[in-house]
Protein backbone atom coordinates (compact mmCIF):
# COMPACT_ATOMS: atom_id res chain seq x y z
CA MET A 1 3.81 -5.23 3.17
CA THR A 2 4.88 -8.36 5.04
CA PHE A 3 2.72 -10.97 6.49
CA ILE A 4 3.39 -9.64 10.06
CA GLN A 5 2.48 -6.09 8.93
CA ASN A 6 -0.69 -7.17 7.18
CA ILE A 7 -1.80 -9.26 10.19
CA PHE A 8 -2.50 -6.06 12.07
CA ARG A 9 -4.38 -4.31 9.42
CA ALA A 10 -8.13 -4.71 9.56
CA ASN A 11 -8.65 -4.05 5.76
CA HIS A 12 -6.36 -7.02 5.17
CA TRP A 13 -8.51 -9.30 7.18
CA LEU A 14 -11.86 -8.02 5.56
CA ALA A 15 -10.80 -7.93 1.86
CA PRO A 16 -12.59 -10.39 -0.38
CA ILE A 17 -10.47 -13.15 -1.92
CA ASP A 18 -11.23 -16.18 -4.10
CA ASN A 19 -12.85 -18.74 -1.74
CA SER A 20 -11.34 -21.82 -3.49
CA GLN A 21 -9.07 -22.58 -0.37
CA LEU A 22 -11.97 -22.52 1.99
CA VAL A 23 -14.03 -24.73 -0.18
CA VAL A 24 -11.19 -27.38 -0.70
CA PHE A 25 -10.46 -27.18 3.20
CA ARG A 26 -14.23 -27.77 3.89
CA ILE A 27 -14.21 -30.94 1.82
CA VAL A 28 -10.97 -32.24 3.40
CA PHE A 29 -12.19 -31.32 6.83
CA GLY A 30 -15.54 -33.06 6.35
CA LEU A 31 -13.89 -36.20 5.03
CA VAL A 32 -11.51 -36.22 7.89
CA VAL A 33 -14.47 -35.90 10.35
CA ALA A 34 -16.26 -38.72 8.73
CA ALA A 35 -13.20 -40.98 8.58
CA ASP A 36 -12.54 -40.24 12.27
CA ALA A 37 -16.06 -41.23 13.28
CA PHE A 38 -16.54 -44.33 11.25
CA GLY A 39 -12.91 -45.34 11.58
CA GLY A 40 -13.16 -45.03 15.35
CA MET A 41 -16.00 -47.53 15.39
CA ALA A 42 -14.45 -49.85 12.89
CA THR A 43 -11.01 -50.07 14.67
CA GLY A 44 -12.50 -50.52 18.12
CA TRP A 45 -11.45 -47.33 19.44
CA THR A 46 -14.88 -46.12 20.35
CA TYR A 47 -15.49 -49.47 22.04
CA ASN A 48 -12.36 -49.36 24.14
CA ALA A 49 -12.84 -45.68 25.03
CA PHE A 50 -16.66 -45.71 25.84
CA ILE A 51 -18.17 -49.15 25.87
CA LYS A 52 -15.71 -51.38 27.53
CA PRO A 53 -14.97 -49.22 30.73
CA ASP A 54 -17.40 -49.22 33.45
CA PHE A 55 -16.52 -45.61 34.17
CA THR A 56 -14.95 -42.87 31.85
CA PHE A 57 -12.99 -39.95 33.28
CA ASN A 58 -14.89 -37.01 31.87
CA PHE A 59 -13.63 -33.59 32.23
CA ILE A 60 -14.40 -32.31 35.72
CA GLY A 61 -17.72 -30.41 35.66
CA PHE A 62 -19.15 -32.61 32.70
CA ASP A 63 -20.32 -35.54 34.83
CA PHE A 64 -23.69 -35.31 33.06
CA LEU A 65 -22.13 -36.67 29.92
CA GLN A 66 -21.82 -40.13 31.69
CA ILE A 67 -25.37 -40.90 30.64
CA PHE A 68 -24.07 -41.12 26.96
CA VAL A 69 -21.30 -43.57 27.97
CA GLY A 70 -21.98 -47.00 26.55
CA LYS A 71 -23.78 -48.06 23.53
CA PRO A 72 -25.28 -44.50 23.02
CA MET A 73 -21.77 -43.43 21.96
CA TYR A 74 -22.27 -45.62 18.75
CA VAL A 75 -25.25 -43.35 17.90
CA ILE A 76 -23.18 -40.12 18.59
CA TYR A 77 -20.27 -41.29 16.54
CA THR A 78 -22.61 -42.37 13.61
CA LEU A 79 -24.22 -38.96 13.62
CA PHE A 80 -20.85 -37.24 13.80
CA GLY A 81 -19.66 -39.28 10.79
CA ILE A 82 -22.81 -38.36 8.84
CA CYS A 83 -22.32 -34.68 9.73
CA GLY A 84 -18.81 -34.94 8.43
CA LEU A 85 -20.04 -36.19 4.94
CA MET A 86 -22.65 -33.46 4.78
CA ILE A 87 -19.99 -30.85 5.64
CA ALA A 88 -17.74 -32.34 2.76
CA PHE A 89 -20.69 -32.02 0.27
CA GLY A 90 -21.86 -28.79 1.65
CA ALA A 91 -25.19 -30.04 2.31
CA TYR A 92 -27.35 -28.16 4.90
CA TYR A 93 -23.90 -26.93 5.86
CA ARG A 94 -24.72 -24.71 8.94
CA ILE A 95 -26.81 -27.33 10.55
CA SER A 96 -24.41 -30.15 9.93
CA ALA A 97 -21.37 -28.07 11.02
CA PHE A 98 -22.97 -26.88 14.23
CA SER A 99 -24.15 -30.57 14.79
CA ALA A 100 -20.71 -31.79 14.32
CA ALA A 101 -19.15 -29.18 16.77
CA ILE A 102 -21.73 -30.27 19.41
CA LEU A 103 -21.24 -33.86 19.00
CA TRP A 104 -17.34 -33.76 18.97
CA SER A 105 -17.55 -31.64 21.99
CA MET A 106 -19.65 -34.20 23.71
CA ILE A 107 -17.13 -36.89 22.75
CA TYR A 108 -14.23 -34.73 23.79
CA PHE A 109 -15.56 -33.81 27.28
CA ALA A 110 -16.89 -37.19 27.99
CA GLN A 111 -13.45 -38.91 28.42
CA LYS A 112 -9.86 -37.92 28.91
CA THR A 113 -8.14 -41.25 29.32
CA ASN A 114 -7.15 -40.95 25.58
CA TYR A 115 -6.63 -37.23 25.80
CA ASN A 116 -4.80 -35.76 22.84
CA ASN A 117 -4.11 -32.33 21.81
CA HIS A 118 -5.27 -33.28 18.37
CA TYR A 119 -8.71 -33.93 19.73
CA TYR A 120 -8.69 -30.32 21.25
CA LEU A 121 -7.68 -28.85 18.03
CA LEU A 122 -10.31 -30.78 16.19
CA MET A 123 -12.94 -29.31 18.67
CA LEU A 124 -11.83 -25.85 17.99
CA LEU A 125 -11.81 -26.29 14.26
CA CYS A 126 -15.29 -27.85 14.37
CA TRP A 127 -16.70 -24.69 16.01
CA VAL A 128 -14.72 -22.36 13.77
CA MET A 129 -16.06 -24.25 10.70
CA ALA A 130 -19.63 -23.79 11.81
CA PHE A 131 -19.19 -20.07 11.41
CA MET A 132 -17.39 -20.10 8.16
CA PRO A 133 -19.18 -19.33 4.73
CA ALA A 134 -17.69 -22.47 3.37
CA ASN A 135 -20.84 -23.61 1.35
CA ARG A 136 -21.05 -20.80 -1.10
CA TYR A 137 -19.34 -22.68 -3.90
CA PHE A 138 -19.12 -26.36 -5.12
CA ALA A 139 -21.76 -27.28 -2.55
CA TYR A 140 -25.14 -28.93 -2.59
CA ASP A 141 -26.51 -25.98 -0.65
CA VAL A 142 -25.76 -23.87 -3.88
CA ARG A 143 -27.95 -26.17 -5.83
CA ARG A 144 -30.74 -25.74 -3.28
CA LYS A 145 -30.43 -22.03 -2.94
CA PRO A 146 -28.52 -20.60 -6.01
CA GLU A 147 -28.66 -17.15 -4.48
CA ILE A 148 -26.03 -17.91 -1.82
CA ARG A 149 -23.48 -18.77 -4.51
CA SER A 150 -20.34 -16.64 -4.21
CA LEU A 151 -16.81 -16.76 -5.84
CA THR A 152 -15.18 -14.94 -2.81
CA ALA A 153 -14.92 -14.89 0.98
CA PRO A 154 -13.37 -12.46 3.34
CA ARG A 155 -9.62 -13.15 3.88
CA TRP A 156 -10.17 -13.67 7.48
CA THR A 157 -11.62 -17.08 6.78
CA ILE A 158 -8.21 -18.20 5.76
CA LEU A 159 -6.02 -16.05 8.03
CA PHE A 160 -7.85 -17.55 10.97
CA PHE A 161 -6.69 -21.06 10.39
CA VAL A 162 -3.05 -19.75 9.52
CA VAL A 163 -2.83 -17.89 12.88
CA GLN A 164 -4.35 -20.83 14.83
CA LEU A 165 -1.84 -23.31 13.36
CA LEU A 166 1.01 -20.89 13.94
CA ILE A 167 0.13 -20.74 17.70
CA VAL A 168 -0.26 -24.50 17.90
CA TYR A 169 3.02 -25.30 16.22
CA THR A 170 5.05 -22.53 18.03
CA TYR A 171 3.92 -23.62 21.38
CA ALA A 172 4.59 -27.10 20.50
CA SER A 173 8.18 -26.21 19.66
CA ILE A 174 8.85 -24.22 22.70
CA ALA A 175 7.65 -27.12 25.03
CA LYS A 176 10.07 -29.44 23.56
CA VAL A 177 13.10 -27.50 24.58
CA TYR A 178 14.14 -29.43 27.66
CA PRO A 179 17.11 -31.70 28.41
CA GLY A 180 15.11 -35.05 28.25
CA TRP A 181 13.70 -34.13 24.77
CA THR A 182 17.07 -33.02 23.27
CA LYS A 183 18.64 -36.20 24.53
CA GLY A 184 16.13 -38.12 22.58
CA GLU A 185 14.87 -40.06 25.73
CA PRO A 186 11.24 -40.04 24.66
CA PHE A 187 12.08 -41.59 21.32
CA GLU A 188 14.24 -44.29 22.89
CA ILE A 189 11.38 -45.32 25.14
CA TRP A 190 8.69 -45.09 22.46
CA PHE A 191 10.51 -46.87 19.91
CA LYS A 192 11.49 -49.93 22.11
CA MET A 193 7.86 -50.78 21.93
CA LYS A 194 7.98 -50.70 18.09
CA ALA A 195 10.99 -52.81 17.60
CA ASN A 196 8.92 -55.62 16.06
CA TYR A 197 7.64 -53.32 13.30
CA PRO A 198 8.34 -54.81 9.82
CA ILE A 199 11.39 -53.25 8.12
CA ILE A 200 11.52 -49.96 10.16
CA GLY A 201 11.47 -51.66 13.60
CA PRO A 202 15.33 -52.14 13.91
CA LEU A 203 16.04 -48.71 12.32
CA LEU A 204 14.00 -47.05 15.03
CA GLN A 205 16.36 -48.28 17.72
CA SER A 206 19.18 -45.97 16.50
CA SER A 207 20.23 -43.35 19.12
CA ASP A 208 21.43 -41.20 16.19
CA LEU A 209 17.81 -41.27 14.64
CA HIS A 210 16.48 -40.30 18.15
CA THR A 211 18.72 -37.17 18.37
CA ILE A 212 17.80 -36.26 14.68
CA LEU A 213 14.13 -36.59 15.37
CA ALA A 214 14.43 -34.69 18.72
CA TYR A 215 16.00 -31.48 17.04
CA GLY A 216 14.14 -32.13 13.80
CA GLY A 217 10.72 -31.95 15.75
CA ILE A 218 11.79 -28.66 17.48
CA LEU A 219 12.88 -27.05 14.18
CA PHE A 220 9.86 -28.41 12.20
CA ASP A 221 7.19 -27.05 14.71
CA LEU A 222 9.02 -23.72 14.97
CA LEU A 223 9.64 -23.10 11.18
CA ALA A 224 6.89 -25.20 9.38
CA ILE A 225 4.18 -22.33 9.32
CA PRO A 226 6.64 -19.48 8.76
CA MET A 227 8.08 -21.38 5.82
CA LEU A 228 4.61 -22.18 4.42
CA ILE A 229 3.75 -18.48 4.59
CA TRP A 230 7.04 -17.41 2.74
CA LYS A 231 6.74 -18.05 -0.99
CA ARG A 232 10.36 -18.99 -1.48
CA THR A 233 10.33 -21.71 1.10
CA ARG A 234 6.82 -22.91 0.71
CA TRP A 235 7.50 -26.03 -1.26
CA LEU A 236 10.34 -27.09 0.91
CA ALA A 237 7.99 -26.71 3.91
CA VAL A 238 5.32 -28.87 2.01
CA ALA A 239 7.90 -31.64 1.48
CA ALA A 240 8.91 -31.46 5.19
CA SER A 241 5.19 -31.52 6.23
CA VAL A 242 4.33 -34.58 4.00
CA SER A 243 7.38 -36.43 5.46
CA PHE A 244 6.72 -35.38 9.02
CA HIS A 245 2.98 -36.28 9.08
CA LEU A 246 3.30 -39.52 7.21
CA PHE A 247 6.08 -40.60 9.52
CA ASN A 248 3.80 -39.91 12.56
CA SER A 249 0.87 -41.57 10.95
CA ILE A 250 2.84 -44.81 10.07
CA VAL A 251 4.99 -45.01 13.38
CA PHE A 252 2.73 -43.49 16.02
CA GLN A 253 -0.55 -44.26 14.42
CA VAL A 254 -2.21 -40.90 15.47
CA GLY A 255 -5.41 -41.45 13.66
CA THR A 256 -6.64 -38.87 11.08
CA PHE A 257 -4.82 -35.95 12.44
CA PRO A 258 -1.82 -35.96 10.00
CA TYR A 259 -4.22 -35.95 7.09
CA LEU A 260 -6.08 -33.06 8.37
CA MET A 261 -2.86 -31.09 8.65
CA LEU A 262 -1.77 -32.18 5.10
CA GLY A 263 -5.12 -30.99 3.92
CA SER A 264 -4.53 -27.68 5.68
CA LEU A 265 -1.62 -27.04 3.41
CA VAL A 266 -4.06 -25.63 0.75
CA LEU A 267 -4.59 -22.65 3.03
CA PHE A 268 -0.97 -21.48 2.50
CA PHE A 269 -1.11 -21.17 -1.33
CA PRO A 270 -2.50 -18.28 -3.25
CA PRO A 271 -6.26 -18.47 -3.68
CA GLU A 272 -5.98 -18.22 -7.61
CA GLN A 273 -3.41 -21.02 -7.62
CA VAL A 274 -5.79 -23.20 -5.76
CA ARG A 275 -8.63 -22.32 -8.12
CA LYS A 276 -6.57 -23.41 -11.13
CA TRP A 277 -5.69 -26.78 -9.38
CA PHE A 278 -9.23 -27.79 -8.34
CA PHE A 279 -11.81 -25.58 -9.99
CA LYS A 280 -10.60 -24.94 -13.46
CA SER A 281 -14.07 -23.76 -14.85
CA LYS A 282 -14.58 -21.30 -11.83
CA PRO A 283 -14.38 -17.80 -12.92
CA SER A 284 -11.36 -15.80 -11.81
CA VAL A 285 -11.69 -12.82 -9.44
CA GLU A 286 -8.03 -11.92 -9.52
CA ASN A 287 -8.42 -8.66 -11.41
CA GLN A 288 -11.68 -7.50 -9.85
CA THR A 289 -11.77 -4.49 -7.47
CA PHE A 290 -13.80 -4.85 -4.17
CA THR A 291 -14.77 -2.28 -1.63
CA VAL A 292 -14.04 -3.01 2.11
CA GLU A 293 -16.83 -1.91 4.23
CA LYS A 294 -16.18 -1.37 7.89
CA THR A 295 -19.67 -2.39 9.04
CA GLN A 296 -20.76 -3.00 12.57
CA LYS A 297 -20.89 -6.69 11.60
CA ASN A 298 -17.15 -6.65 10.29
CA LYS A 299 -16.21 -4.71 13.52
CA LEU A 300 -17.71 -7.54 15.63
CA ILE A 301 -16.18 -10.15 13.68
CA LEU A 302 -12.66 -8.70 14.17
CA SER A 303 -13.38 -8.09 17.82
CA VAL A 304 -14.34 -11.70 18.38
CA ILE A 305 -11.33 -12.89 16.44
CA THR A 306 -9.10 -10.77 18.54
CA VAL A 307 -10.38 -11.90 21.83
CA TYR A 308 -10.13 -15.51 20.66
CA PHE A 309 -6.52 -15.37 19.70
CA ILE A 310 -5.75 -13.47 23.03
CA ILE A 311 -7.32 -16.46 24.84
CA GLN A 312 -5.31 -18.91 22.59
CA ILE A 313 -2.04 -17.18 23.28
CA LEU A 314 -2.64 -17.12 27.13
CA LEU A 315 -3.97 -20.53 27.75
CA PRO A 316 -0.81 -22.39 26.87
CA VAL A 317 1.27 -20.24 29.41
CA ARG A 318 -1.31 -20.65 32.31
CA HIS A 319 0.81 -23.54 33.91
CA PHE A 320 3.25 -20.73 35.13
CA ALA A 321 0.47 -19.66 37.46
CA PHE A 322 0.81 -22.99 39.28
CA LYS A 323 3.41 -24.04 41.75
CA GLY A 324 6.09 -26.45 40.39
CA ASN A 325 6.87 -27.98 37.00
CA VAL A 326 3.98 -28.83 34.62
CA MET A 327 6.06 -31.84 33.32
CA TRP A 328 5.78 -33.20 36.92
CA ASN A 329 2.39 -32.16 38.29
CA GLU A 330 0.42 -31.90 34.97
CA GLU A 331 -1.24 -28.69 36.32
CA GLY A 332 -1.90 -26.52 33.30
CA HIS A 333 -0.80 -29.32 30.83
CA ARG A 334 -4.05 -29.39 28.83
CA TYR A 335 -4.96 -26.84 26.16
CA ALA A 336 -1.20 -25.85 25.91
CA TRP A 337 -0.17 -27.79 22.87
CA ARG A 338 2.34 -29.92 24.86
CA MET A 339 2.16 -32.55 22.39
CA MET A 340 4.21 -35.92 22.62
CA LEU A 341 6.75 -34.36 24.95
CA ARG A 342 7.65 -37.14 27.47
CA ALA A 343 7.35 -40.75 28.31
CA LYS A 344 5.81 -40.98 31.74
CA ALA A 345 5.35 -44.05 33.83
CA GLY A 346 3.66 -44.52 37.15
CA SER A 347 1.79 -46.74 39.46
CA VAL A 348 -0.70 -46.27 42.34
CA THR A 349 -2.48 -48.22 45.00
CA PHE A 350 -4.88 -46.91 47.66
CA LYS A 351 -5.40 -47.63 51.31
CA VAL A 352 -8.95 -47.09 52.50
CA VAL A 353 -9.55 -46.80 56.21
CA ASN A 354 -13.07 -47.18 57.87
CA SER A 355 -12.94 -44.10 60.16
CA GLU A 356 -15.21 -45.84 62.69
CA THR A 357 -13.82 -49.32 62.90
CA LYS A 358 -10.35 -48.61 61.75
CA GLU A 359 -10.51 -51.53 59.45
CA VAL A 360 -8.03 -51.18 56.46
CA PHE A 361 -8.73 -52.03 52.84
CA LYS A 362 -6.13 -52.09 50.03
CA VAL A 363 -7.49 -51.11 46.71
CA MET A 364 -5.94 -51.89 43.34
CA PRO A 365 -7.23 -49.53 40.72
CA THR A 366 -7.56 -52.49 38.22
CA GLU A 367 -10.56 -53.56 40.46
CA TYR A 368 -12.37 -50.70 39.03
CA LEU A 369 -10.62 -49.46 35.86
CA THR A 370 -9.09 -50.76 32.74
CA PRO A 371 -5.30 -51.11 32.55
CA LYS A 372 -4.86 -48.04 30.71
CA GLN A 373 -7.10 -45.96 33.06
CA SER A 374 -5.15 -47.40 36.05
CA TRP A 375 -2.04 -46.13 34.55
CA MET A 376 -3.54 -42.69 33.65
CA ILE A 377 -4.67 -41.97 37.31
CA ALA A 378 -1.15 -42.67 38.42
CA ILE A 379 0.27 -39.83 36.45
CA HIS A 380 -2.63 -37.36 36.30
CA PRO A 381 -3.60 -35.81 39.53
CA GLY A 382 -7.06 -34.82 38.27
CA MET A 383 -8.04 -38.25 37.30
CA LEU A 384 -6.67 -39.61 40.53
CA TRP A 385 -8.95 -37.26 42.37
CA GLN A 386 -11.86 -38.30 40.41
CA PHE A 387 -11.21 -41.98 41.13
CA VAL A 388 -11.03 -41.13 44.77
CA GLN A 389 -14.70 -39.83 44.39
CA VAL A 390 -15.53 -43.22 42.81
CA LEU A 391 -14.08 -44.97 45.89
CA LYS A 392 -15.89 -42.67 48.27
CA GLU A 393 -19.27 -43.41 46.56
CA ASP A 394 -18.65 -47.20 46.33
CA TYR A 395 -17.67 -47.48 49.97
CA GLY A 396 -20.66 -45.38 50.99
CA GLU A 397 -23.00 -47.77 49.26
CA LYS A 398 -21.31 -50.60 51.22
CA GLY A 399 -22.19 -48.95 54.49
CA MET A 400 -18.97 -46.93 55.07
CA PRO A 401 -19.81 -43.35 54.53
CA ASN A 402 -16.86 -42.23 56.74
CA ILE A 403 -13.59 -43.31 55.23
CA SER A 404 -9.96 -42.02 54.76
CA ILE A 405 -8.20 -42.72 51.49
CA TYR A 406 -4.41 -42.61 51.08
CA ALA A 407 -2.40 -43.20 48.09
CA ASN A 408 0.88 -44.82 47.43
CA SER A 409 1.89 -43.35 44.16
CA LYS A 410 5.25 -43.15 42.27
CA ILE A 411 6.06 -41.72 38.84
CA LYS A 412 9.02 -41.25 36.65
CA ILE A 413 9.52 -38.99 33.61
CA ASN A 414 11.50 -40.40 30.65
CA LYS A 415 14.66 -42.29 31.80
CA GLY A 416 14.51 -40.80 35.32
CA ASP A 417 14.09 -42.57 38.74
CA TYR A 418 10.73 -43.32 40.25
CA HIS A 419 9.65 -40.73 43.05
CA THR A 420 6.73 -40.42 45.28
CA PHE A 421 4.09 -38.33 43.54
CA ILE A 422 1.08 -37.98 45.95
CA ASP A 423 1.65 -37.25 49.65
CA PRO A 424 0.97 -40.63 51.18
CA GLU A 425 -0.06 -38.92 54.54
CA TYR A 426 -2.75 -36.86 52.97
CA ASP A 427 -6.29 -37.92 53.49
CA LEU A 428 -7.59 -37.72 49.77
CA ALA A 429 -11.13 -38.22 50.91
CA LYS A 430 -11.07 -34.73 52.05
CA ALA A 431 -9.24 -33.27 49.12
CA GLU A 432 -10.73 -30.63 46.96
CA TRP A 433 -10.11 -30.13 43.36
CA HIS A 434 -8.75 -26.69 42.56
CA ARG A 435 -9.06 -25.41 39.00
CA PHE A 436 -6.90 -22.40 39.36
CA LYS A 437 -4.26 -23.18 42.10
CA HIS A 438 -1.95 -25.93 43.01
CA SER A 439 -3.25 -29.00 44.77
CA GLU A 440 -1.41 -29.37 48.09
CA TRP A 441 -1.52 -33.09 48.08
CA ILE A 442 0.85 -33.19 45.11
CA LEU A 443 4.44 -33.40 46.30
CA ASP A 444 7.23 -31.15 44.90
CA GLU A 445 9.36 -32.61 42.06
CA PRO A 446 12.63 -33.81 43.51
CA GLU A 447 15.77 -31.99 42.40
């Protein structure tokens, strides 16, 4: 049976296998969580994202998370890091894993100025790990409760990650197939800012390298997971993955994500091979025979997994339900694995008109926001709409509850020209946010 054939067989998902892969991944995952938490505080990322700004752009509908913005975020990050260490050691695993999922979800939904698909994937994995039986071997919990010790886990505990990563990488590849990317335009723009890097800075300015990286990115995302699944190409895919992720880590400095992906490589090797590498004294289960029982619990597990992956397959294409190009209007951009696709620039200023006195005020976003936030609201309509709500509240407190707000906004994608983005005649003070349909105050992309 091939992988594709097996993927649709319930017995294949439920069959017990050596749990060494899951145990090793638990350790890697926990250490990455801890590194992300403590590293975020040590490098100043937490400060810049949550302490320095007067206001963070939480996901719309999660305004209540603003009460944690500021120094309380240091507490949340510290707890998140501790949970990561507990996950790695398999200590009070269920509590620590669920706590990590809740804490990272709070961090994730509390701000989107620094939005990254990697953060979304980490949130998904945090919740998935909370349900995994990953503490049944080589864990502190086994010392506390020897009766939970097990040498096996259902195969779905590994296939789940494989299918999830297949979805992530496939959509990332498809999204890159557009003229600006294949011309290498994003790399030319990104690498200009890295010209002063020691040794590699001048090399990054090569147009040939930009083209190679553009097509290489498409092929890697498309082929990496299938090549890892197929035994004959697995080691080639491992070499490509190590090169790809270390390059991203060094050049783009994308945090711990590359190392989480490198740790996930263990999921693609035979479980007995992983056992021999990491747990040589662990008894083998290779020649044991197991009976797969189709219990109500197993049926529920498979049903939940099926629904989950249907959602994961549909979410990345939801942008087709909106009018226009997602590259331009950003509607449906999130949760779609549209990773590092374009270099987008923009600027915006606002005109506030007192509806009663007709007095006009010009507002620069930097009067309220950090430079990065000011740039983000220029290119992301949802964040711009949130800032308009801030202006309405601020001017209301100044005794001007009835105002009109107009935006002078221009953006460009890659090496294109600047074009007006938001309708300058639309009173944004009256604009409503639509979750599931196009916002009429976003102008159409020029041909």
